[in-house]
Amino acid sequence: MNLLSMLANDPVVMFSFGGLAILLAISAYYVYYFLTHIQDDSKDH
């Protein structure tokens, strides 16, 4: 439990998790963006 409280209060860990969350959000957006555009392009042909 001491390790969890130490990690929760460490700003470096918070910035790392924040950066990972932003990276995953951008990646998920691009996957959604490309999949929808591929589906729209295949409907036109």
Protein backbone atom coordinates (compact mmCIF):
# COMPACT_ATOMS: atom_id res chain seq x y z
CA MET A 1 0.00 0.00 0.00
CA ASN A 2 2.95 2.30 0.63
CA LEU A 3 4.09 1.83 -2.96
CA LEU A 4 0.66 2.82 -4.30
CA SER A 5 0.53 5.99 -2.20
CA MET A 6 4.07 6.87 -3.27
CA LEU A 7 3.16 6.42 -6.95
CA ALA A 8 -0.09 8.36 -6.56
CA ASN A 9 1.75 11.35 -5.06
CA ASP A 10 4.64 11.35 -7.55
CA PRO A 11 4.20 14.05 -10.21
CA VAL A 12 6.41 12.18 -12.69
CA VAL A 13 4.03 9.21 -12.58
CA MET A 14 1.05 11.53 -13.04
CA PHE A 15 2.62 13.18 -16.10
CA SER A 16 3.52 9.76 -17.50
CA PHE A 17 -0.03 8.49 -17.13
CA GLY A 18 -1.37 11.74 -18.54
CA GLY A 19 0.91 11.48 -21.55
CA LEU A 20 -0.09 7.86 -22.11
CA ALA A 21 -3.78 8.80 -21.88
CA ILE A 22 -3.31 11.56 -24.47
CA LEU A 23 -1.34 9.20 -26.73
CA LEU A 24 -4.04 6.51 -26.51
CA ALA A 25 -6.79 9.05 -27.16
CA ILE A 26 -5.03 10.34 -30.29
CA SER A 27 -4.39 6.79 -31.48
CA ALA A 28 -8.03 5.80 -30.94
CA TYR A 29 -9.18 8.90 -32.83
CA TYR A 30 -6.98 8.09 -35.81
CA VAL A 31 -8.13 4.46 -35.87
CA TYR A 32 -11.76 5.67 -35.87
CA TYR A 33 -10.97 8.33 -38.50
CA PHE A 34 -9.25 5.95 -40.91
CA LEU A 35 -11.80 3.15 -40.48
CA THR A 36 -14.73 5.44 -41.17
CA HIS A 37 -13.04 6.95 -44.23
CA ILE A 38 -12.13 3.51 -45.58
CA GLN A 39 -15.75 2.41 -45.19
CA ASP A 40 -17.03 5.58 -46.88
CA ASP A 41 -14.58 5.16 -49.74
CA SER A 42 -15.56 1.54 -50.31
CA LYS A 43 -19.26 2.54 -50.49
CA ASP A 44 -18.57 4.96 -53.35
CA HIS A 45 -17.20 2.24 -55.67
